[in-house]
N, C-alpha and C. Protein backbone atom coordinates (compact mmCIF):
# COMPACT_ATOMS: atom_id res chain seq x y z
N UNK A 1 0.86 -1.18 0.00
CA UNK A 1 0.00 0.00 0.00
C UNK A 1 0.90 1.23 0.00
N UNK A 2 0.76 2.06 -1.02
CA UNK A 2 1.52 3.30 -1.13
C UNK A 2 0.71 4.44 -0.51
N UNK A 3 1.30 5.12 0.46
CA UNK A 3 0.62 6.24 1.12
C UNK A 3 1.40 7.51 0.81
N UNK A 4 0.68 8.53 0.39
CA UNK A 4 1.31 9.83 0.10
C UNK A 4 0.44 10.92 0.73
N UNK A 5 0.96 12.14 0.77
CA UNK A 5 0.15 13.26 1.24
C UNK A 5 -0.19 14.14 0.05
N UNK A 6 -1.38 14.72 0.10
CA UNK A 6 -1.84 15.62 -0.97
C UNK A 6 -2.53 16.81 -0.34
N UNK A 7 -2.31 17.98 -0.93
CA UNK A 7 -3.10 19.16 -0.59
C UNK A 7 -4.33 19.09 -1.50
N UNK A 8 -5.50 18.99 -0.89
CA UNK A 8 -6.74 18.88 -1.66
C UNK A 8 -7.55 20.14 -1.45
N UNK A 9 -7.99 20.74 -2.53
CA UNK A 9 -8.82 21.94 -2.45
C UNK A 9 -10.24 21.60 -2.03
N UNK A 10 -10.97 22.62 -1.65
CA UNK A 10 -12.37 22.46 -1.25
C UNK A 10 -13.17 21.81 -2.39
N UNK A 11 -14.01 20.84 -2.06
CA UNK A 11 -14.83 20.15 -3.05
C UNK A 11 -16.29 20.36 -2.70
N UNK A 12 -17.06 20.91 -3.63
CA UNK A 12 -18.50 21.13 -3.44
C UNK A 12 -19.26 19.93 -3.98
N UNK A 13 -20.19 19.42 -3.18
CA UNK A 13 -20.93 18.22 -3.58
C UNK A 13 -22.41 18.37 -3.30
N UNK A 14 -23.19 17.58 -4.03
CA UNK A 14 -24.59 17.33 -3.71
C UNK A 14 -24.58 16.01 -2.95
N UNK A 15 -25.15 16.00 -1.74
CA UNK A 15 -25.01 14.85 -0.84
C UNK A 15 -26.35 14.24 -0.47
N UNK A 16 -26.40 12.91 -0.52
CA UNK A 16 -27.55 12.13 -0.08
C UNK A 16 -27.12 11.41 1.19
N UNK A 17 -27.74 11.73 2.32
CA UNK A 17 -27.35 11.16 3.62
C UNK A 17 -27.72 9.68 3.71
N UNK A 18 -26.80 8.92 4.31
CA UNK A 18 -27.02 7.51 4.64
C UNK A 18 -26.74 7.37 6.13
N UNK A 19 -27.64 6.70 6.86
CA UNK A 19 -27.41 6.38 8.26
C UNK A 19 -27.50 4.87 8.39
N UNK A 20 -26.45 4.28 8.93
CA UNK A 20 -26.39 2.83 9.07
C UNK A 20 -25.01 2.32 8.72
N UNK A 21 -24.86 1.01 8.63
CA UNK A 21 -23.54 0.44 8.31
C UNK A 21 -22.98 1.04 7.02
N UNK A 22 -21.71 1.40 7.07
CA UNK A 22 -21.09 2.04 5.91
C UNK A 22 -21.16 1.17 4.66
N UNK A 23 -21.07 -0.14 4.82
CA UNK A 23 -21.07 -1.01 3.63
C UNK A 23 -22.42 -1.02 2.91
N UNK A 24 -23.42 -0.38 3.48
CA UNK A 24 -24.74 -0.30 2.82
C UNK A 24 -25.00 1.06 2.17
N UNK A 25 -23.97 1.86 1.98
CA UNK A 25 -24.13 3.18 1.38
C UNK A 25 -24.59 3.10 -0.08
N UNK A 26 -24.49 1.94 -0.68
CA UNK A 26 -24.90 1.76 -2.07
C UNK A 26 -26.34 2.19 -2.32
N UNK A 27 -27.22 2.01 -1.36
CA UNK A 27 -28.62 2.43 -1.50
C UNK A 27 -28.71 3.93 -1.68
N UNK A 28 -27.92 4.68 -0.93
CA UNK A 28 -27.92 6.14 -1.07
C UNK A 28 -27.36 6.54 -2.43
N UNK A 29 -26.35 5.83 -2.92
CA UNK A 29 -25.81 6.12 -4.25
C UNK A 29 -26.85 5.84 -5.34
N UNK A 30 -27.65 4.80 -5.17
CA UNK A 30 -28.70 4.51 -6.16
C UNK A 30 -29.72 5.66 -6.20
N UNK A 31 -30.13 6.15 -5.03
CA UNK A 31 -31.07 7.28 -4.97
C UNK A 31 -30.44 8.54 -5.56
N UNK A 32 -29.17 8.77 -5.23
CA UNK A 32 -28.46 9.94 -5.75
C UNK A 32 -28.36 9.86 -7.27
N UNK A 33 -28.10 8.67 -7.79
CA UNK A 33 -27.98 8.48 -9.23
C UNK A 33 -29.30 8.82 -9.93
N UNK A 34 -30.41 8.35 -9.37
CA UNK A 34 -31.73 8.67 -9.97
C UNK A 34 -31.97 10.18 -9.95
N UNK A 35 -31.66 10.82 -8.81
CA UNK A 35 -31.84 12.27 -8.71
C UNK A 35 -30.94 12.99 -9.71
N UNK A 36 -29.68 12.57 -9.79
CA UNK A 36 -28.71 13.26 -10.65
C UNK A 36 -29.12 13.20 -12.11
N UNK A 37 -29.60 12.05 -12.55
CA UNK A 37 -30.02 11.93 -13.95
C UNK A 37 -31.30 12.73 -14.21
N UNK A 38 -32.21 12.75 -13.26
CA UNK A 38 -33.45 13.52 -13.43
C UNK A 38 -33.19 15.02 -13.40
N UNK A 39 -32.24 15.46 -12.57
CA UNK A 39 -31.99 16.90 -12.41
C UNK A 39 -31.14 17.48 -13.52
N UNK A 40 -30.35 16.64 -14.19
CA UNK A 40 -29.45 17.07 -15.26
C UNK A 40 -28.44 18.13 -14.77
N UNK A 41 -28.14 18.09 -13.48
CA UNK A 41 -27.19 19.04 -12.90
C UNK A 41 -25.74 18.60 -13.03
N UNK A 42 -25.53 17.37 -13.42
CA UNK A 42 -24.17 16.86 -13.43
C UNK A 42 -23.67 16.58 -14.83
N UNK A 43 -22.36 16.37 -14.93
CA UNK A 43 -21.73 16.05 -16.21
C UNK A 43 -22.12 14.63 -16.61
N UNK A 44 -21.83 14.27 -17.86
CA UNK A 44 -22.14 12.93 -18.33
C UNK A 44 -21.34 11.87 -17.57
N UNK A 45 -20.14 12.22 -17.13
CA UNK A 45 -19.33 11.32 -16.30
C UNK A 45 -19.17 11.99 -14.94
N UNK A 46 -20.07 11.68 -13.99
CA UNK A 46 -20.03 12.37 -12.70
C UNK A 46 -18.82 11.98 -11.88
N UNK A 47 -18.37 12.94 -11.06
CA UNK A 47 -17.29 12.68 -10.10
C UNK A 47 -17.95 12.34 -8.77
N UNK A 48 -17.85 11.08 -8.38
CA UNK A 48 -18.55 10.58 -7.19
C UNK A 48 -17.61 10.46 -6.00
N UNK A 49 -18.17 10.73 -4.81
CA UNK A 49 -17.43 10.64 -3.56
C UNK A 49 -18.34 10.05 -2.50
N UNK A 50 -17.75 9.55 -1.44
CA UNK A 50 -18.48 9.20 -0.22
C UNK A 50 -17.74 9.87 0.93
N UNK A 51 -18.49 10.56 1.78
CA UNK A 51 -17.93 11.22 2.95
C UNK A 51 -18.38 10.42 4.18
N UNK A 52 -17.42 10.07 5.04
CA UNK A 52 -17.71 9.29 6.24
C UNK A 52 -17.49 10.16 7.47
N UNK A 53 -18.55 10.37 8.23
CA UNK A 53 -18.52 11.32 9.35
C UNK A 53 -18.13 10.71 10.69
N UNK A 54 -18.31 9.42 10.86
CA UNK A 54 -18.14 8.81 12.19
C UNK A 54 -17.10 7.69 12.17
N UNK A 55 -16.53 7.44 13.34
CA UNK A 55 -15.56 6.36 13.52
C UNK A 55 -16.33 5.09 13.85
N UNK A 56 -16.30 4.08 12.97
CA UNK A 56 -17.05 2.85 13.24
C UNK A 56 -16.54 2.09 14.46
N UNK A 57 -15.37 2.44 14.97
CA UNK A 57 -14.87 1.84 16.19
C UNK A 57 -15.48 2.44 17.44
N UNK A 58 -16.14 3.59 17.29
CA UNK A 58 -16.72 4.29 18.45
C UNK A 58 -18.24 4.45 18.38
N UNK A 59 -18.79 4.40 17.19
CA UNK A 59 -20.22 4.64 16.98
C UNK A 59 -20.89 3.34 16.55
N UNK A 60 -22.06 3.00 17.13
CA UNK A 60 -22.75 1.78 16.69
C UNK A 60 -23.07 1.83 15.19
N UNK A 61 -22.99 0.68 14.54
CA UNK A 61 -23.16 0.60 13.08
C UNK A 61 -24.48 1.22 12.62
N UNK A 62 -25.55 1.07 13.38
CA UNK A 62 -26.84 1.60 12.94
C UNK A 62 -26.95 3.11 13.07
N UNK A 63 -25.93 3.76 13.65
CA UNK A 63 -25.94 5.21 13.82
C UNK A 63 -24.86 5.92 13.00
N UNK A 64 -24.07 5.16 12.24
CA UNK A 64 -23.01 5.76 11.42
C UNK A 64 -23.60 6.66 10.35
N UNK A 65 -22.98 7.84 10.16
CA UNK A 65 -23.46 8.80 9.15
C UNK A 65 -22.45 8.90 8.02
N UNK A 66 -22.98 8.81 6.80
CA UNK A 66 -22.15 8.96 5.60
C UNK A 66 -22.97 9.69 4.55
N UNK A 67 -22.29 10.29 3.59
CA UNK A 67 -22.96 10.97 2.48
C UNK A 67 -22.48 10.38 1.17
N UNK A 68 -23.43 9.96 0.34
CA UNK A 68 -23.15 9.60 -1.05
C UNK A 68 -23.19 10.92 -1.82
N UNK A 69 -22.15 11.21 -2.59
CA UNK A 69 -22.01 12.55 -3.16
C UNK A 69 -21.64 12.54 -4.64
N UNK A 70 -22.05 13.61 -5.30
CA UNK A 70 -21.59 13.89 -6.65
C UNK A 70 -21.08 15.33 -6.64
N UNK A 71 -19.95 15.55 -7.29
CA UNK A 71 -19.36 16.89 -7.32
C UNK A 71 -20.24 17.82 -8.14
N UNK A 72 -20.47 19.03 -7.61
CA UNK A 72 -21.30 20.04 -8.27
C UNK A 72 -20.61 21.40 -8.15
N UNK A 73 -21.19 22.40 -8.77
CA UNK A 73 -20.64 23.75 -8.65
C UNK A 73 -20.96 24.33 -7.27
N UNK A 74 -20.23 25.35 -6.89
CA UNK A 74 -20.39 25.94 -5.55
C UNK A 74 -21.73 26.63 -5.36
N UNK A 75 -22.48 26.87 -6.43
CA UNK A 75 -23.77 27.56 -6.28
C UNK A 75 -24.94 26.59 -6.10
N UNK A 76 -24.70 25.28 -6.00
CA UNK A 76 -25.78 24.32 -5.78
C UNK A 76 -26.42 24.59 -4.42
N UNK A 77 -27.74 24.64 -4.37
CA UNK A 77 -28.45 25.00 -3.14
C UNK A 77 -29.24 23.87 -2.50
N UNK A 78 -29.28 22.70 -3.09
CA UNK A 78 -30.03 21.59 -2.50
C UNK A 78 -31.38 21.42 -3.17
N UNK A 79 -31.87 20.19 -3.07
CA UNK A 79 -33.14 19.87 -3.72
C UNK A 79 -33.68 18.59 -3.09
N UNK A 80 -34.78 18.69 -2.35
CA UNK A 80 -35.35 17.51 -1.71
C UNK A 80 -34.38 16.92 -0.69
N UNK A 81 -34.14 15.62 -0.82
CA UNK A 81 -33.23 14.93 0.10
C UNK A 81 -31.76 15.21 -0.19
N UNK A 82 -31.48 15.87 -1.29
CA UNK A 82 -30.09 16.12 -1.70
C UNK A 82 -29.68 17.50 -1.20
N UNK A 83 -28.67 17.50 -0.34
CA UNK A 83 -28.22 18.73 0.31
C UNK A 83 -26.84 19.14 -0.20
N UNK A 84 -26.55 20.45 -0.18
CA UNK A 84 -25.19 20.87 -0.50
C UNK A 84 -24.26 20.51 0.66
N UNK A 85 -23.05 20.14 0.34
CA UNK A 85 -22.04 19.84 1.36
C UNK A 85 -20.68 20.20 0.78
N UNK A 86 -19.69 20.25 1.65
CA UNK A 86 -18.34 20.62 1.23
C UNK A 86 -17.33 19.71 1.90
N UNK A 87 -16.39 19.22 1.11
CA UNK A 87 -15.21 18.55 1.67
C UNK A 87 -14.20 19.67 1.90
N UNK A 88 -13.78 19.87 3.15
CA UNK A 88 -12.87 20.99 3.42
C UNK A 88 -11.51 20.81 2.76
N UNK A 89 -10.94 21.93 2.35
CA UNK A 89 -9.58 21.93 1.82
C UNK A 89 -8.62 21.56 2.95
N UNK A 90 -7.51 20.99 2.58
CA UNK A 90 -6.49 20.68 3.57
C UNK A 90 -5.54 19.62 3.08
N UNK A 91 -4.71 19.18 4.00
CA UNK A 91 -3.73 18.14 3.70
C UNK A 91 -4.33 16.79 4.09
N UNK A 92 -4.19 15.83 3.20
CA UNK A 92 -4.76 14.50 3.39
C UNK A 92 -3.71 13.43 3.15
N UNK A 93 -3.79 12.35 3.91
CA UNK A 93 -3.05 11.12 3.58
C UNK A 93 -3.92 10.39 2.57
N UNK A 94 -3.30 9.90 1.50
CA UNK A 94 -4.06 9.32 0.39
C UNK A 94 -3.44 7.99 -0.02
N UNK A 95 -4.29 7.04 -0.32
CA UNK A 95 -3.86 5.79 -0.93
C UNK A 95 -4.94 5.36 -1.91
N UNK A 96 -4.62 4.43 -2.79
CA UNK A 96 -5.61 3.93 -3.74
C UNK A 96 -5.90 2.46 -3.46
N UNK A 97 -7.18 2.14 -3.53
CA UNK A 97 -7.63 0.75 -3.43
C UNK A 97 -8.04 0.31 -4.83
N UNK A 98 -7.50 -0.80 -5.27
CA UNK A 98 -7.88 -1.38 -6.56
C UNK A 98 -8.62 -2.68 -6.29
N UNK A 99 -9.88 -2.71 -6.75
CA UNK A 99 -10.66 -3.93 -6.56
C UNK A 99 -12.07 -3.62 -6.11
N UNK A 100 -12.76 -4.66 -5.74
CA UNK A 100 -14.17 -4.60 -5.38
C UNK A 100 -14.44 -3.66 -4.20
N UNK A 101 -15.59 -3.02 -4.25
CA UNK A 101 -16.03 -2.19 -3.12
C UNK A 101 -16.21 -3.04 -1.86
N UNK A 102 -16.46 -4.34 -2.02
CA UNK A 102 -16.63 -5.22 -0.87
C UNK A 102 -15.38 -5.27 0.01
N UNK A 103 -14.24 -4.89 -0.54
CA UNK A 103 -12.98 -4.95 0.20
C UNK A 103 -12.55 -3.59 0.75
N UNK A 104 -13.39 -2.57 0.59
CA UNK A 104 -13.01 -1.23 1.05
C UNK A 104 -12.83 -1.15 2.57
N UNK A 105 -13.67 -1.85 3.32
CA UNK A 105 -13.53 -1.83 4.78
C UNK A 105 -12.15 -2.32 5.21
N UNK A 106 -11.68 -3.40 4.59
CA UNK A 106 -10.35 -3.92 4.89
C UNK A 106 -9.27 -2.93 4.47
N UNK A 107 -9.47 -2.28 3.32
CA UNK A 107 -8.49 -1.30 2.84
C UNK A 107 -8.38 -0.13 3.82
N UNK A 108 -9.54 0.35 4.31
CA UNK A 108 -9.51 1.44 5.29
C UNK A 108 -8.79 1.01 6.57
N UNK A 109 -9.05 -0.21 7.04
CA UNK A 109 -8.40 -0.70 8.26
C UNK A 109 -6.89 -0.75 8.09
N UNK A 110 -6.44 -1.28 6.96
CA UNK A 110 -5.00 -1.36 6.70
C UNK A 110 -4.39 0.04 6.58
N UNK A 111 -5.09 0.94 5.90
CA UNK A 111 -4.63 2.32 5.72
C UNK A 111 -4.43 2.99 7.08
N UNK A 112 -5.44 2.92 7.93
CA UNK A 112 -5.36 3.54 9.27
C UNK A 112 -4.24 2.89 10.10
N UNK A 113 -4.13 1.56 10.01
CA UNK A 113 -3.09 0.86 10.77
C UNK A 113 -1.70 1.32 10.33
N UNK A 114 -1.48 1.38 9.03
CA UNK A 114 -0.16 1.79 8.54
C UNK A 114 0.17 3.22 8.94
N UNK A 115 -0.83 4.09 8.94
CA UNK A 115 -0.59 5.47 9.38
C UNK A 115 -0.23 5.51 10.86
N UNK A 116 -0.93 4.71 11.67
CA UNK A 116 -0.64 4.73 13.11
C UNK A 116 0.75 4.17 13.39
N UNK A 117 1.19 3.17 12.63
CA UNK A 117 2.53 2.61 12.80
C UNK A 117 3.59 3.63 12.41
N UNK A 118 3.34 4.36 11.32
CA UNK A 118 4.29 5.39 10.89
C UNK A 118 4.45 6.46 11.96
N UNK A 119 3.32 6.96 12.46
CA UNK A 119 3.34 7.94 13.52
C UNK A 119 3.68 9.36 13.12
N UNK A 120 4.06 9.60 11.87
CA UNK A 120 4.48 10.95 11.48
C UNK A 120 3.38 11.74 10.77
N UNK A 121 2.22 11.14 10.59
CA UNK A 121 1.11 11.83 9.92
C UNK A 121 -0.12 11.78 10.83
N UNK A 122 -0.24 12.75 11.75
CA UNK A 122 -1.37 12.73 12.69
C UNK A 122 -2.71 12.99 11.99
N UNK A 123 -3.66 12.10 12.24
CA UNK A 123 -4.98 12.19 11.61
C UNK A 123 -5.82 13.24 12.33
N UNK A 124 -6.50 14.07 11.55
CA UNK A 124 -7.40 15.11 12.06
C UNK A 124 -8.78 14.50 12.29
N UNK A 125 -9.66 15.25 12.96
CA UNK A 125 -11.01 14.72 13.21
C UNK A 125 -12.04 15.13 12.16
N UNK A 126 -11.58 15.77 11.07
CA UNK A 126 -12.51 16.06 9.97
C UNK A 126 -12.90 14.74 9.30
N UNK A 127 -14.02 14.72 8.58
CA UNK A 127 -14.44 13.47 7.93
C UNK A 127 -13.43 13.00 6.88
N UNK A 128 -13.33 11.69 6.75
CA UNK A 128 -12.54 11.10 5.67
C UNK A 128 -13.47 10.91 4.47
N UNK A 129 -12.88 10.67 3.31
CA UNK A 129 -13.73 10.46 2.13
C UNK A 129 -13.07 9.54 1.12
N UNK A 130 -13.92 9.02 0.24
CA UNK A 130 -13.48 8.21 -0.89
C UNK A 130 -13.84 8.95 -2.16
N UNK A 131 -12.95 8.89 -3.13
CA UNK A 131 -13.25 9.42 -4.47
C UNK A 131 -13.16 8.23 -5.42
N UNK A 132 -14.23 8.04 -6.18
CA UNK A 132 -14.32 6.89 -7.08
C UNK A 132 -13.80 7.31 -8.45
N UNK A 133 -12.66 6.75 -8.86
CA UNK A 133 -12.02 7.13 -10.11
C UNK A 133 -12.67 6.45 -11.31
N UNK A 134 -13.41 5.39 -11.06
CA UNK A 134 -14.28 4.77 -12.06
C UNK A 134 -15.44 4.14 -11.28
N UNK A 135 -16.37 3.53 -11.96
CA UNK A 135 -17.55 2.98 -11.28
C UNK A 135 -17.91 1.63 -11.89
N UNK A 136 -18.82 0.89 -11.25
CA UNK A 136 -19.26 -0.38 -11.83
C UNK A 136 -19.92 -0.21 -13.21
N UNK A 137 -20.29 1.00 -13.56
CA UNK A 137 -20.86 1.23 -14.90
C UNK A 137 -19.80 1.12 -16.00
N UNK A 138 -18.53 1.40 -15.65
CA UNK A 138 -17.51 1.39 -16.69
C UNK A 138 -16.29 0.52 -16.34
N UNK A 139 -16.39 -0.28 -15.28
CA UNK A 139 -15.27 -1.14 -14.89
C UNK A 139 -15.78 -2.39 -14.17
N UNK A 140 -15.09 -3.49 -14.38
CA UNK A 140 -15.39 -4.72 -13.65
C UNK A 140 -14.99 -4.53 -12.18
N UNK A 141 -15.61 -5.27 -11.25
CA UNK A 141 -15.27 -5.11 -9.84
C UNK A 141 -13.77 -5.17 -9.54
N UNK A 142 -13.05 -6.06 -10.18
CA UNK A 142 -11.61 -6.18 -9.93
C UNK A 142 -10.82 -4.98 -10.43
N UNK A 143 -11.42 -4.19 -11.33
CA UNK A 143 -10.73 -3.04 -11.93
C UNK A 143 -11.14 -1.70 -11.33
N UNK A 144 -12.00 -1.70 -10.32
CA UNK A 144 -12.43 -0.45 -9.70
C UNK A 144 -11.25 0.20 -8.97
N UNK A 145 -11.16 1.53 -9.06
CA UNK A 145 -10.09 2.28 -8.39
C UNK A 145 -10.75 3.33 -7.51
N UNK A 146 -10.44 3.27 -6.22
CA UNK A 146 -11.01 4.18 -5.23
C UNK A 146 -9.88 4.86 -4.48
N UNK A 147 -9.91 6.18 -4.46
CA UNK A 147 -8.91 6.95 -3.70
C UNK A 147 -9.45 7.14 -2.28
N UNK A 148 -8.69 6.69 -1.28
CA UNK A 148 -9.05 6.85 0.13
C UNK A 148 -8.30 8.05 0.68
N UNK A 149 -9.02 8.96 1.34
CA UNK A 149 -8.43 10.22 1.81
C UNK A 149 -8.73 10.44 3.29
N UNK A 150 -7.68 10.50 4.10
CA UNK A 150 -7.79 10.77 5.53
C UNK A 150 -7.22 12.15 5.83
N UNK A 151 -8.00 13.02 6.50
CA UNK A 151 -7.50 14.36 6.79
C UNK A 151 -6.37 14.33 7.82
N UNK A 152 -5.40 15.19 7.60
CA UNK A 152 -4.26 15.29 8.51
C UNK A 152 -4.29 16.61 9.27
N UNK A 153 -3.76 16.60 10.47
CA UNK A 153 -3.65 17.84 11.24
C UNK A 153 -2.64 18.74 10.56
N UNK A 154 -2.91 20.04 10.64
CA UNK A 154 -2.01 21.02 10.01
C UNK A 154 -0.71 21.14 10.77
């Protein structure tokens, strides 16, 4: 696992809230996808993200909060269940996961473990996020590429 640091600028998103086990966020993405196609607010190839607000080691699975997101312009104001949200700018530890979404939980665990062993990149309490560089619509599960981003203290 290759870990690097990146300065990431502020990202504006349209967010569909999911409450429950993180591995079930797919339902929120399905709803977001229907909204996005109906609203015609997004590009033909949307930039998708998931924002994770809670630590699954501290919060019960049925209370975990996450947002299924699509990148939008900064003037998006929300519509129905879809709210505007922002990924804050800052320095992030970043790695890439190649493979099925079913293995993302393990990838996150390994990522966090390796950072804690290193000790030189203190994790901030801002939400972490995933950026999907491709999707099941255009890649086989084994070929999916997901960027994992953990916020770092300044």
